[in-house]
């Protein structure tokens, strides 16, 4: 089992309130979730109205599939004209890694 994660640090365009921020971020989250069947949420910069951090997670039996899905999600978000992606960080973990807790 492989777990792929993606963190996207976003700079939002002409946003002047947290309410406007929600109106930009929510459709992005919904589209990512709908098109790629991944877990996605706003995970950082919650009190800043021009910044957002989005976290994405995918689980698969194949590491290559995790990479492909996360790259497709990144392309989808980068293509949005109302935002700039400041950074994208991909991580891939296996259930055999020491960093993941094991169920016994």
PDB file of N, CA and C in Angstrom:
ATOM      1  N   UNK A   1       0.842  -1.175   0.000  1.00  0.00           N
ATOM      2  CA  UNK A   1       0.000   0.000   0.000  1.00  0.00           C
ATOM      3  C   UNK A   1       0.890   1.242   0.000  1.00  0.00           C
ATOM      4  N   UNK A   2       0.523   2.206  -0.796  1.00  0.00           N
ATOM      5  CA  UNK A   2       1.247   3.471  -0.879  1.00  0.00           C
ATOM      6  C   UNK A   2       0.306   4.622  -0.574  1.00  0.00           C
ATOM      7  N   UNK A   3       0.838   5.623   0.109  1.00  0.00           N
ATOM      8  CA  UNK A   3       0.090   6.828   0.435  1.00  0.00           C
ATOM      9  C   UNK A   3       0.843   8.001  -0.160  1.00  0.00           C
ATOM     10  N   UNK A   4       0.190   8.716  -1.050  1.00  0.00           N
ATOM     11  CA  UNK A   4       0.789   9.901  -1.658  1.00  0.00           C
ATOM     12  C   UNK A   4       0.129  11.148  -1.118  1.00  0.00           C
ATOM     13  N   UNK A   5       0.949  12.145  -0.808  1.00  0.00           N
ATOM     14  CA  UNK A   5       0.402  13.419  -0.335  1.00  0.00           C
ATOM     15  C   UNK A   5       0.958  14.558  -1.167  1.00  0.00           C
ATOM     16  N   UNK A   6       0.183  15.598  -1.253  1.00  0.00           N
ATOM     17  CA  UNK A   6       0.554  16.803  -1.983  1.00  0.00           C
ATOM     18  C   UNK A   6       0.116  18.005  -1.163  1.00  0.00           C
ATOM     19  N   UNK A   7       1.040  18.913  -0.915  1.00  0.00           N
ATOM     20  CA  UNK A   7       0.721  20.181  -0.255  1.00  0.00           C
ATOM     21  C   UNK A   7       0.928  21.300  -1.261  1.00  0.00           C
ATOM     22  N   UNK A   8      -0.084  22.107  -1.451  1.00  0.00           N
ATOM     23  CA  UNK A   8      -0.027  23.230  -2.378  1.00  0.00           C
ATOM     24  C   UNK A   8      -0.185  24.530  -1.597  1.00  0.00           C
ATOM     25  N   UNK A   9       0.778  25.423  -1.744  1.00  0.00           N
ATOM     26  CA  UNK A   9       0.717  26.743  -1.116  1.00  0.00           C
ATOM     27  C   UNK A   9       0.239  27.714  -2.190  1.00  0.00           C
ATOM     28  N   UNK A  10      -0.903  28.337  -1.961  1.00  0.00           N
ATOM     29  CA  UNK A  10      -1.552  29.156  -2.983  1.00  0.00           C
ATOM     30  C   UNK A  10      -1.597  30.626  -2.586  1.00  0.00           C
ATOM     31  N   UNK A  11      -1.429  31.475  -3.579  1.00  0.00           N
ATOM     32  CA  UNK A  11      -1.668  32.907  -3.446  1.00  0.00           C
ATOM     33  C   UNK A  11      -2.923  33.202  -4.243  1.00  0.00           C
ATOM     34  N   UNK A  12      -3.937  33.711  -3.565  1.00  0.00           N
ATOM     35  CA  UNK A  12      -5.218  33.976  -4.207  1.00  0.00           C
ATOM     36  C   UNK A  12      -5.212  35.363  -4.828  1.00  0.00           C
ATOM     37  N   UNK A  13      -5.958  35.524  -5.885  1.00  0.00           N
ATOM     38  CA  UNK A  13      -5.993  36.787  -6.609  1.00  0.00           C
ATOM     39  C   UNK A  13      -6.639  37.912  -5.823  1.00  0.00           C
ATOM     40  N   UNK A  14      -7.624  38.555  -6.407  1.00  0.00           N
ATOM     41  CA  UNK A  14      -8.275  39.728  -5.816  1.00  0.00           C
ATOM     42  C   UNK A  14      -9.276  39.292  -4.749  1.00  0.00           C
ATOM     43  N   UNK A  15      -8.753  38.921  -3.587  1.00  0.00           N
ATOM     44  CA  UNK A  15      -9.577  38.466  -2.468  1.00  0.00           C
ATOM     45  C   UNK A  15      -9.377  39.442  -1.323  1.00  0.00           C
ATOM     46  N   UNK A  16     -10.475  39.944  -0.750  1.00  0.00           N
ATOM     47  CA  UNK A  16     -10.382  40.971   0.290  1.00  0.00           C
ATOM     48  C   UNK A  16     -11.042  40.580   1.606  1.00  0.00           C
ATOM     49  N   UNK A  17     -11.494  39.328   1.702  1.00  0.00           N
ATOM     50  CA  UNK A  17     -12.106  38.884   2.952  1.00  0.00           C
ATOM     51  C   UNK A  17     -12.042  37.364   3.023  1.00  0.00           C
ATOM     52  N   UNK A  18     -12.266  36.838   4.211  1.00  0.00           N
ATOM     53  CA  UNK A  18     -12.296  35.388   4.370  1.00  0.00           C
ATOM     54  C   UNK A  18     -13.496  34.774   3.642  1.00  0.00           C
ATOM     55  N   UNK A  19     -14.577  35.526   3.548  1.00  0.00           N
ATOM     56  CA  UNK A  19     -15.750  35.051   2.817  1.00  0.00           C
ATOM     57  C   UNK A  19     -15.432  34.900   1.325  1.00  0.00           C
ATOM     58  N   UNK A  20     -14.743  35.880   0.756  1.00  0.00           N
ATOM     59  CA  UNK A  20     -14.322  35.776  -0.642  1.00  0.00           C
ATOM     60  C   UNK A  20     -13.332  34.622  -0.820  1.00  0.00           C
ATOM     61  N   UNK A  21     -12.450  34.453   0.166  1.00  0.00           N
ATOM     62  CA  UNK A  21     -11.489  33.347   0.104  1.00  0.00           C
ATOM     63  C   UNK A  21     -12.232  32.018   0.001  1.00  0.00           C
ATOM     64  N   UNK A  22     -13.237  31.815   0.849  1.00  0.00           N
ATOM     65  CA  UNK A  22     -14.021  30.577   0.800  1.00  0.00           C
ATOM     66  C   UNK A  22     -14.658  30.374  -0.561  1.00  0.00           C
ATOM     67  N   UNK A  23     -15.107  31.476  -1.181  1.00  0.00           N
ATOM     68  CA  UNK A  23     -15.765  31.356  -2.487  1.00  0.00           C
ATOM     69  C   UNK A  23     -14.779  30.980  -3.595  1.00  0.00           C
ATOM     70  N   UNK A  24     -13.488  31.154  -3.356  1.00  0.00           N
ATOM     71  CA  UNK A  24     -12.461  30.735  -4.310  1.00  0.00           C
ATOM     72  C   UNK A  24     -11.984  29.324  -3.994  1.00  0.00           C
ATOM     73  N   UNK A  25     -11.744  29.032  -2.726  1.00  0.00           N
ATOM     74  CA  UNK A  25     -11.135  27.758  -2.332  1.00  0.00           C
ATOM     75  C   UNK A  25     -12.126  26.599  -2.423  1.00  0.00           C
ATOM     76  N   UNK A  26     -13.357  26.786  -1.987  1.00  0.00           N
ATOM     77  CA  UNK A  26     -14.326  25.684  -1.988  1.00  0.00           C
ATOM     78  C   UNK A  26     -14.544  25.056  -3.361  1.00  0.00           C
ATOM     79  N   UNK A  27     -14.698  25.838  -4.432  1.00  0.00           N
ATOM     80  CA  UNK A  27     -14.860  25.208  -5.751  1.00  0.00           C
ATOM     81  C   UNK A  27     -13.613  24.422  -6.196  1.00  0.00           C
ATOM     82  N   UNK A  28     -12.441  24.885  -5.793  1.00  0.00           N
ATOM     83  CA  UNK A  28     -11.219  24.152  -6.131  1.00  0.00           C
ATOM     84  C   UNK A  28     -11.224  22.793  -5.434  1.00  0.00           C
ATOM     85  N   UNK A  29     -11.533  22.798  -4.137  1.00  0.00           N
ATOM     86  CA  UNK A  29     -11.580  21.547  -3.385  1.00  0.00           C
ATOM     87  C   UNK A  29     -12.612  20.595  -3.982  1.00  0.00           C
ATOM     88  N   UNK A  30     -13.784  21.110  -4.325  1.00  0.00           N
ATOM     89  CA  UNK A  30     -14.849  20.275  -4.876  1.00  0.00           C
ATOM     90  C   UNK A  30     -14.450  19.678  -6.221  1.00  0.00           C
ATOM     91  N   UNK A  31     -13.813  20.477  -7.067  1.00  0.00           N
ATOM     92  CA  UNK A  31     -13.416  19.978  -8.384  1.00  0.00           C
ATOM     93  C   UNK A  31     -12.324  18.912  -8.268  1.00  0.00           C
ATOM     94  N   UNK A  32     -11.351  19.150  -7.405  1.00  0.00           N
ATOM     95  CA  UNK A  32     -10.287  18.155  -7.201  1.00  0.00           C
ATOM     96  C   UNK A  32     -10.895  16.851  -6.694  1.00  0.00           C
ATOM     97  N   UNK A  33     -11.766  16.946  -5.704  1.00  0.00           N
ATOM     98  CA  UNK A  33     -12.400  15.754  -5.122  1.00  0.00           C
ATOM     99  C   UNK A  33     -13.224  15.010  -6.173  1.00  0.00           C
ATOM    100  N   UNK A  34     -13.989  15.748  -6.958  1.00  0.00           N
ATOM    101  CA  UNK A  34     -14.875  15.141  -7.954  1.00  0.00           C
ATOM    102  C   UNK A  34     -14.098  14.483  -9.089  1.00  0.00           C
ATOM    103  N   UNK A  35     -13.071  15.153  -9.584  1.00  0.00           N
ATOM    104  CA  UNK A  35     -12.360  14.657 -10.764  1.00  0.00           C
ATOM    105  C   UNK A  35     -11.339  13.574 -10.463  1.00  0.00           C
ATOM    106  N   UNK A  36     -10.820  13.559  -9.235  1.00  0.00           N
ATOM    107  CA  UNK A  36      -9.731  12.624  -8.949  1.00  0.00           C
ATOM    108  C   UNK A  36     -10.003  11.660  -7.798  1.00  0.00           C
ATOM    109  N   UNK A  37     -11.138  11.771  -7.141  1.00  0.00           N
ATOM    110  CA  UNK A  37     -11.511  10.866  -6.052  1.00  0.00           C
ATOM    111  C   UNK A  37     -10.396  10.731  -5.019  1.00  0.00           C
ATOM    112  N   UNK A  38      -9.952  11.868  -4.501  1.00  0.00           N
ATOM    113  CA  UNK A  38      -8.907  11.934  -3.480  1.00  0.00           C
ATOM    114  C   UNK A  38      -9.470  12.651  -2.257  1.00  0.00           C
ATOM    115  N   UNK A  39      -8.749  12.538  -1.154  1.00  0.00           N
ATOM    116  CA  UNK A  39      -9.085  13.336   0.024  1.00  0.00           C
ATOM    117  C   UNK A  39      -8.394  14.684  -0.142  1.00  0.00           C
ATOM    118  N   UNK A  40      -9.127  15.770   0.062  1.00  0.00           N
ATOM    119  CA  UNK A  40      -8.564  17.103  -0.117  1.00  0.00           C
ATOM    120  C   UNK A  40      -9.206  18.051   0.895  1.00  0.00           C
ATOM    121  N   UNK A  41      -8.365  18.961   1.437  1.00  0.00           N
ATOM    122  CA  UNK A  41      -8.866  19.922   2.420  1.00  0.00           C
ATOM    123  C   UNK A  41      -7.953  21.136   2.459  1.00  0.00           C
ATOM    124  N   UNK A  42      -8.503  22.244   2.943  1.00  0.00           N
ATOM    125  CA  UNK A  42      -7.688  23.417   3.237  1.00  0.00           C
ATOM    126  C   UNK A  42      -7.022  23.149   4.585  1.00  0.00           C
ATOM    127  N   UNK A  43      -5.685  23.152   4.611  1.00  0.00           N
ATOM    128  CA  UNK A  43      -4.961  22.718   5.809  1.00  0.00           C
ATOM    129  C   UNK A  43      -4.071  23.791   6.422  1.00  0.00           C
ATOM    130  N   UNK A  44      -3.948  24.937   5.791  1.00  0.00           N
ATOM    131  CA  UNK A  44      -3.082  25.963   6.344  1.00  0.00           C
ATOM    132  C   UNK A  44      -3.477  27.355   5.894  1.00  0.00           C
ATOM    133  N   UNK A  45      -2.892  28.359   6.566  1.00  0.00           N
ATOM    134  CA  UNK A  45      -3.168  29.777   6.285  1.00  0.00           C
ATOM    135  C   UNK A  45      -4.661  30.078   6.422  1.00  0.00           C
ATOM    136  N   UNK A  46      -5.297  29.474   7.403  1.00  0.00           N
ATOM    137  CA  UNK A  46      -6.751  29.582   7.542  1.00  0.00           C
ATOM    138  C   UNK A  46      -7.225  30.989   7.876  1.00  0.00           C
ATOM    139  N   UNK A  47      -6.386  31.788   8.532  1.00  0.00           N
ATOM    140  CA  UNK A  47      -6.814  33.128   8.918  1.00  0.00           C
ATOM    141  C   UNK A  47      -6.263  34.221   7.999  1.00  0.00           C
ATOM    142  N   UNK A  48      -5.561  33.839   6.943  1.00  0.00           N
ATOM    143  CA  UNK A  48      -5.070  34.805   5.952  1.00  0.00           C
ATOM    144  C   UNK A  48      -5.994  34.758   4.739  1.00  0.00           C
ATOM    145  N   UNK A  49      -6.453  35.905   4.284  1.00  0.00           N
ATOM    146  CA  UNK A  49      -7.434  35.864   3.214  1.00  0.00           C
ATOM    147  C   UNK A  49      -6.851  35.801   1.813  1.00  0.00           C
ATOM    148  N   UNK A  50      -5.565  36.054   1.612  1.00  0.00           N
ATOM    149  CA  UNK A  50      -4.979  35.937   0.268  1.00  0.00           C
ATOM    150  C   UNK A  50      -4.111  34.704   0.096  1.00  0.00           C
ATOM    151  N   UNK A  51      -4.017  33.872   1.126  1.00  0.00           N
ATOM    152  CA  UNK A  51      -3.197  32.662   1.051  1.00  0.00           C
ATOM    153  C   UNK A  51      -4.049  31.459   1.450  1.00  0.00           C
ATOM    154  N   UNK A  52      -3.703  30.322   0.886  1.00  0.00           N
ATOM    155  CA  UNK A  52      -4.361  29.069   1.253  1.00  0.00           C
ATOM    156  C   UNK A  52      -3.352  27.947   1.073  1.00  0.00           C
ATOM    157  N   UNK A  53      -3.450  26.963   1.923  1.00  0.00           N
ATOM    158  CA  UNK A  53      -2.665  25.749   1.750  1.00  0.00           C
ATOM    159  C   UNK A  53      -3.656  24.600   1.632  1.00  0.00           C
ATOM    160  N   UNK A  54      -3.486  23.831   0.579  1.00  0.00           N
ATOM    161  CA  UNK A  54      -4.378  22.715   0.306  1.00  0.00           C
ATOM    162  C   UNK A  54      -3.578  21.426   0.443  1.00  0.00           C
ATOM    163  N   UNK A  55      -4.155  20.460   1.142  1.00  0.00           N
ATOM    164  CA  UNK A  55      -3.553  19.146   1.292  1.00  0.00           C
ATOM    165  C   UNK A  55      -4.377  18.111   0.550  1.00  0.00           C
ATOM    166  N   UNK A  56      -3.674  17.216  -0.161  1.00  0.00           N
ATOM    167  CA  UNK A  56      -4.324  16.170  -0.944  1.00  0.00           C
ATOM    168  C   UNK A  56      -3.691  14.840  -0.556  1.00  0.00           C
ATOM    169  N   UNK A  57      -4.509  13.799  -0.441  1.00  0.00           N
ATOM    170  CA  UNK A  57      -3.992  12.462  -0.134  1.00  0.00           C
ATOM    171  C   UNK A  57      -4.664  11.435  -1.026  1.00  0.00           C
ATOM    172  N   UNK A  58      -3.857  10.447  -1.439  1.00  0.00           N
ATOM    173  CA  UNK A  58      -4.360   9.346  -2.251  1.00  0.00           C
ATOM    174  C   UNK A  58      -3.717   8.060  -1.744  1.00  0.00           C
ATOM    175  N   UNK A  59      -4.485   6.995  -1.754  1.00  0.00           N
ATOM    176  CA  UNK A  59      -4.004   5.675  -1.345  1.00  0.00           C
ATOM    177  C   UNK A  59      -4.146   4.740  -2.529  1.00  0.00           C
ATOM    178  N   UNK A  60      -3.084   3.946  -2.766  1.00  0.00           N
ATOM    179  CA  UNK A  60      -3.103   3.036  -3.899  1.00  0.00           C
ATOM    180  C   UNK A  60      -2.188   1.842  -3.632  1.00  0.00           C
ATOM    181  N   UNK A  61      -2.412   0.784  -4.353  1.00  0.00           N
ATOM    182  CA  UNK A  61      -1.530  -0.378  -4.268  1.00  0.00           C
ATOM    183  C   UNK A  61      -0.263  -0.167  -5.084  1.00  0.00           C
ATOM    184  N   UNK A  62      -0.245   0.865  -5.920  1.00  0.00           N
ATOM    185  CA  UNK A  62       0.865   1.108  -6.842  1.00  0.00           C
ATOM    186  C   UNK A  62       1.420   2.521  -6.650  1.00  0.00           C
ATOM    187  N   UNK A  63       2.733   2.616  -6.442  1.00  0.00           N
ATOM    188  CA  UNK A  63       3.373   3.925  -6.250  1.00  0.00           C
ATOM    189  C   UNK A  63       3.221   4.808  -7.485  1.00  0.00           C
ATOM    190  N   UNK A  64       3.321   4.221  -8.651  1.00  0.00           N
ATOM    191  CA  UNK A  64       3.190   4.983  -9.887  1.00  0.00           C
ATOM    192  C   UNK A  64       1.823   5.626 -10.025  1.00  0.00           C
ATOM    193  N   UNK A  65       0.787   4.907  -9.607  1.00  0.00           N
ATOM    194  CA  UNK A  65      -0.562   5.472  -9.668  1.00  0.00           C
ATOM    195  C   UNK A  65      -0.685   6.680  -8.737  1.00  0.00           C
ATOM    196  N   UNK A  66      -0.112   6.580  -7.537  1.00  0.00           N
ATOM    197  CA  UNK A  66      -0.128   7.723  -6.608  1.00  0.00           C
ATOM    198  C   UNK A  66       0.511   8.943  -7.257  1.00  0.00           C
ATOM    199  N   UNK A  67       1.678   8.746  -7.858  1.00  0.00           N
ATOM    200  CA  UNK A  67       2.381   9.868  -8.501  1.00  0.00           C
ATOM    201  C   UNK A  67       1.542  10.485  -9.614  1.00  0.00           C
ATOM    202  N   UNK A  68       0.959   9.631 -10.462  1.00  0.00           N
ATOM    203  CA  UNK A  68       0.151  10.134 -11.578  1.00  0.00           C
ATOM    204  C   UNK A  68      -1.042  10.954 -11.094  1.00  0.00           C
ATOM    205  N   UNK A  69      -1.719  10.483 -10.073  1.00  0.00           N
ATOM    206  CA  UNK A  69      -2.892  11.196  -9.551  1.00  0.00           C
ATOM    207  C   UNK A  69      -2.478  12.545  -8.973  1.00  0.00           C
ATOM    208  N   UNK A  70      -1.401  12.559  -8.163  1.00  0.00           N
ATOM    209  CA  UNK A  70      -0.968  13.818  -7.550  1.00  0.00           C
ATOM    210  C   UNK A  70      -0.475  14.816  -8.594  1.00  0.00           C
ATOM    211  N   UNK A  71       0.202  14.335  -9.634  1.00  0.00           N
ATOM    212  CA  UNK A  71       0.632  15.236 -10.710  1.00  0.00           C
ATOM    213  C   UNK A  71      -0.576  15.805 -11.453  1.00  0.00           C
ATOM    214  N   UNK A  72      -1.590  14.995 -11.664  1.00  0.00           N
ATOM    215  CA  UNK A  72      -2.803  15.481 -12.335  1.00  0.00           C
ATOM    216  C   UNK A  72      -3.527  16.517 -11.478  1.00  0.00           C
ATOM    217  N   UNK A  73      -3.579  16.296 -10.173  1.00  0.00           N
ATOM    218  CA  UNK A  73      -4.199  17.271  -9.275  1.00  0.00           C
ATOM    219  C   UNK A  73      -3.428  18.587  -9.319  1.00  0.00           C
ATOM    220  N   UNK A  74      -2.097  18.498  -9.279  1.00  0.00           N
ATOM    221  CA  UNK A  74      -1.286  19.720  -9.334  1.00  0.00           C
ATOM    222  C   UNK A  74      -1.540  20.479 -10.634  1.00  0.00           C
ATOM    223  N   UNK A  75      -1.582  19.782 -11.765  1.00  0.00           N
ATOM    224  CA  UNK A  75      -1.852  20.446 -13.051  1.00  0.00           C
ATOM    225  C   UNK A  75      -3.221  21.122 -13.048  1.00  0.00           C
ATOM    226  N   UNK A  76      -4.216  20.448 -12.466  1.00  0.00           N
ATOM    227  CA  UNK A  76      -5.566  21.006 -12.405  1.00  0.00           C
ATOM    228  C   UNK A  76      -5.585  22.315 -11.620  1.00  0.00           C
ATOM    229  N   UNK A  77      -4.908  22.343 -10.478  1.00  0.00           N
ATOM    230  CA  UNK A  77      -4.902  23.545  -9.644  1.00  0.00           C
ATOM    231  C   UNK A  77      -4.072  24.647 -10.293  1.00  0.00           C
ATOM    232  N   UNK A  78      -2.928  24.297 -10.866  1.00  0.00           N
ATOM    233  CA  UNK A  78      -2.063  25.297 -11.516  1.00  0.00           C
ATOM    234  C   UNK A  78      -2.799  25.979 -12.673  1.00  0.00           C
ATOM    235  N   UNK A  79      -3.683  25.268 -13.338  1.00  0.00           N
ATOM    236  CA  UNK A  79      -4.398  25.813 -14.504  1.00  0.00           C
ATOM    237  C   UNK A  79      -5.458  26.845 -14.126  1.00  0.00           C
ATOM    238  N   UNK A  80      -5.786  26.958 -12.850  1.00  0.00           N
ATOM    239  CA  UNK A  80      -6.801  27.927 -12.432  1.00  0.00           C
ATOM    240  C   UNK A  80      -6.246  29.341 -12.556  1.00  0.00           C
ATOM    241  N   UNK A  81      -6.910  30.225 -13.298  1.00  0.00           N
ATOM    242  CA  UNK A  81      -6.362  31.570 -13.536  1.00  0.00           C
ATOM    243  C   UNK A  81      -6.432  32.503 -12.330  1.00  0.00           C
ATOM    244  N   UNK A  82      -7.308  32.214 -11.358  1.00  0.00           N
ATOM    245  CA  UNK A  82      -7.495  33.136 -10.237  1.00  0.00           C
ATOM    246  C   UNK A  82      -6.499  32.923  -9.106  1.00  0.00           C
ATOM    247  N   UNK A  83      -5.604  31.940  -9.245  1.00  0.00           N
ATOM    248  CA  UNK A  83      -4.621  31.676  -8.188  1.00  0.00           C
ATOM    249  C   UNK A  83      -3.230  31.488  -8.766  1.00  0.00           C
ATOM    250  N   UNK A  84      -2.228  31.665  -7.903  1.00  0.00           N
ATOM    251  CA  UNK A  84      -0.844  31.333  -8.234  1.00  0.00           C
ATOM    252  C   UNK A  84      -0.385  30.275  -7.245  1.00  0.00           C
ATOM    253  N   UNK A  85       0.237  29.223  -7.754  1.00  0.00           N
ATOM    254  CA  UNK A  85       0.786  28.186  -6.886  1.00  0.00           C
ATOM    255  C   UNK A  85       2.202  28.607  -6.516  1.00  0.00           C
ATOM    256  N   UNK A  86       2.416  28.881  -5.231  1.00  0.00           N
ATOM    257  CA  UNK A  86       3.731  29.309  -4.753  1.00  0.00           C
ATOM    258  C   UNK A  86       4.670  28.130  -4.571  1.00  0.00           C
ATOM    259  N   UNK A  87       4.140  27.000  -4.121  1.00  0.00           N
ATOM    260  CA  UNK A  87       4.966  25.801  -3.983  1.00  0.00           C
ATOM    261  C   UNK A  87       4.077  24.570  -3.981  1.00  0.00           C
ATOM    262  N   UNK A  88       4.686  23.464  -4.381  1.00  0.00           N
ATOM    263  CA  UNK A  88       4.008  22.167  -4.365  1.00  0.00           C
ATOM    264  C   UNK A  88       4.997  21.144  -3.820  1.00  0.00           C
ATOM    265  N   UNK A  89       4.552  20.402  -2.809  1.00  0.00           N
ATOM    266  CA  UNK A  89       5.430  19.402  -2.202  1.00  0.00           C
ATOM    267  C   UNK A  89       4.737  18.041  -2.253  1.00  0.00           C
ATOM    268  N   UNK A  90       5.367  17.116  -2.968  1.00  0.00           N
ATOM    269  CA  UNK A  90       4.867  15.753  -3.095  1.00  0.00           C
ATOM    270  C   UNK A  90       5.604  14.857  -2.098  1.00  0.00           C
ATOM    271  N   UNK A  91       4.886  13.909  -1.517  1.00  0.00           N
ATOM    272  CA  UNK A  91       5.504  12.884  -0.671  1.00  0.00           C
ATOM    273  C   UNK A  91       4.827  11.558  -0.971  1.00  0.00           C
ATOM    274  N   UNK A  92       5.646  10.505  -0.941  1.00  0.00           N
ATOM    275  CA  UNK A  92       5.134   9.163  -1.157  1.00  0.00           C
ATOM    276  C   UNK A  92       5.631   8.288  -0.021  1.00  0.00           C
ATOM    277  N   UNK A  93       4.710   7.588   0.609  1.00  0.00           N
ATOM    278  CA  UNK A  93       5.066   6.702   1.718  1.00  0.00           C
ATOM    279  C   UNK A  93       4.494   5.317   1.439  1.00  0.00           C
ATOM    280  N   UNK A  94       5.191   4.325   1.966  1.00  0.00           N
ATOM    281  CA  UNK A  94       4.744   2.948   1.867  1.00  0.00           C
ATOM    282  C   UNK A  94       4.337   2.467   3.248  1.00  0.00           C
ATOM    283  N   UNK A  95       3.469   1.470   3.301  1.00  0.00           N
ATOM    284  CA  UNK A  95       3.099   0.926   4.602  1.00  0.00           C
ATOM    285  C   UNK A  95       4.261   0.203   5.267  1.00  0.00           C
ATOM    286  N   UNK A  96       5.336  -0.015   4.529  1.00  0.00           N
ATOM    287  CA  UNK A  96       6.536  -0.630   5.094  1.00  0.00           C
ATOM    288  C   UNK A  96       7.499   0.391   5.685  1.00  0.00           C
ATOM    289  N   UNK A  97       7.236   1.685   5.478  1.00  0.00           N
ATOM    290  CA  UNK A  97       8.068   2.741   6.048  1.00  0.00           C
ATOM    291  C   UNK A  97       7.928   2.758   7.559  1.00  0.00           C
ATOM    292  N   UNK A  98       8.992   3.130   8.240  1.00  0.00           N
ATOM    293  CA  UNK A  98       8.956   3.236   9.692  1.00  0.00           C
ATOM    294  C   UNK A  98       8.087   4.393  10.155  1.00  0.00           C
ATOM    295  N   UNK A  99       7.827   5.371   9.282  1.00  0.00           N
ATOM    296  CA  UNK A  99       7.086   6.561   9.692  1.00  0.00           C
ATOM    297  C   UNK A  99       5.591   6.318   9.852  1.00  0.00           C
ATOM    298  N   UNK A 100       5.099   5.193   9.324  1.00  0.00           N
ATOM    299  CA  UNK A 100       3.671   4.910   9.420  1.00  0.00           C
ATOM    300  C   UNK A 100       3.408   3.931  10.562  1.00  0.00           C
ATOM    301  N   UNK A 101       2.402   4.207  11.379  1.00  0.00           N
ATOM    302  CA  UNK A 101       2.085   3.287  12.463  1.00  0.00           C
ATOM    303  C   UNK A 101       1.515   1.985  11.909  1.00  0.00           C
ATOM    304  N   UNK A 102       1.802   0.899  12.552  1.00  0.00           N
ATOM    305  CA  UNK A 102       1.266  -0.385  12.089  1.00  0.00           C
ATOM    306  C   UNK A 102       0.163  -0.822  13.039  1.00  0.00           C
ATOM    307  N   UNK A 103      -0.834  -1.463  12.485  1.00  0.00           N
ATOM    308  CA  UNK A 103      -1.941  -1.988  13.280  1.00  0.00           C
ATOM    309  C   UNK A 103      -1.638  -3.442  13.624  1.00  0.00           C
ATOM    310  N   UNK A 104      -1.700  -3.765  14.889  1.00  0.00           N
ATOM    311  CA  UNK A 104      -1.412  -5.147  15.307  1.00  0.00           C
ATOM    312  C   UNK A 104      -2.464  -5.605  16.266  1.00  0.00           C
TER     313      UNK A 104
END
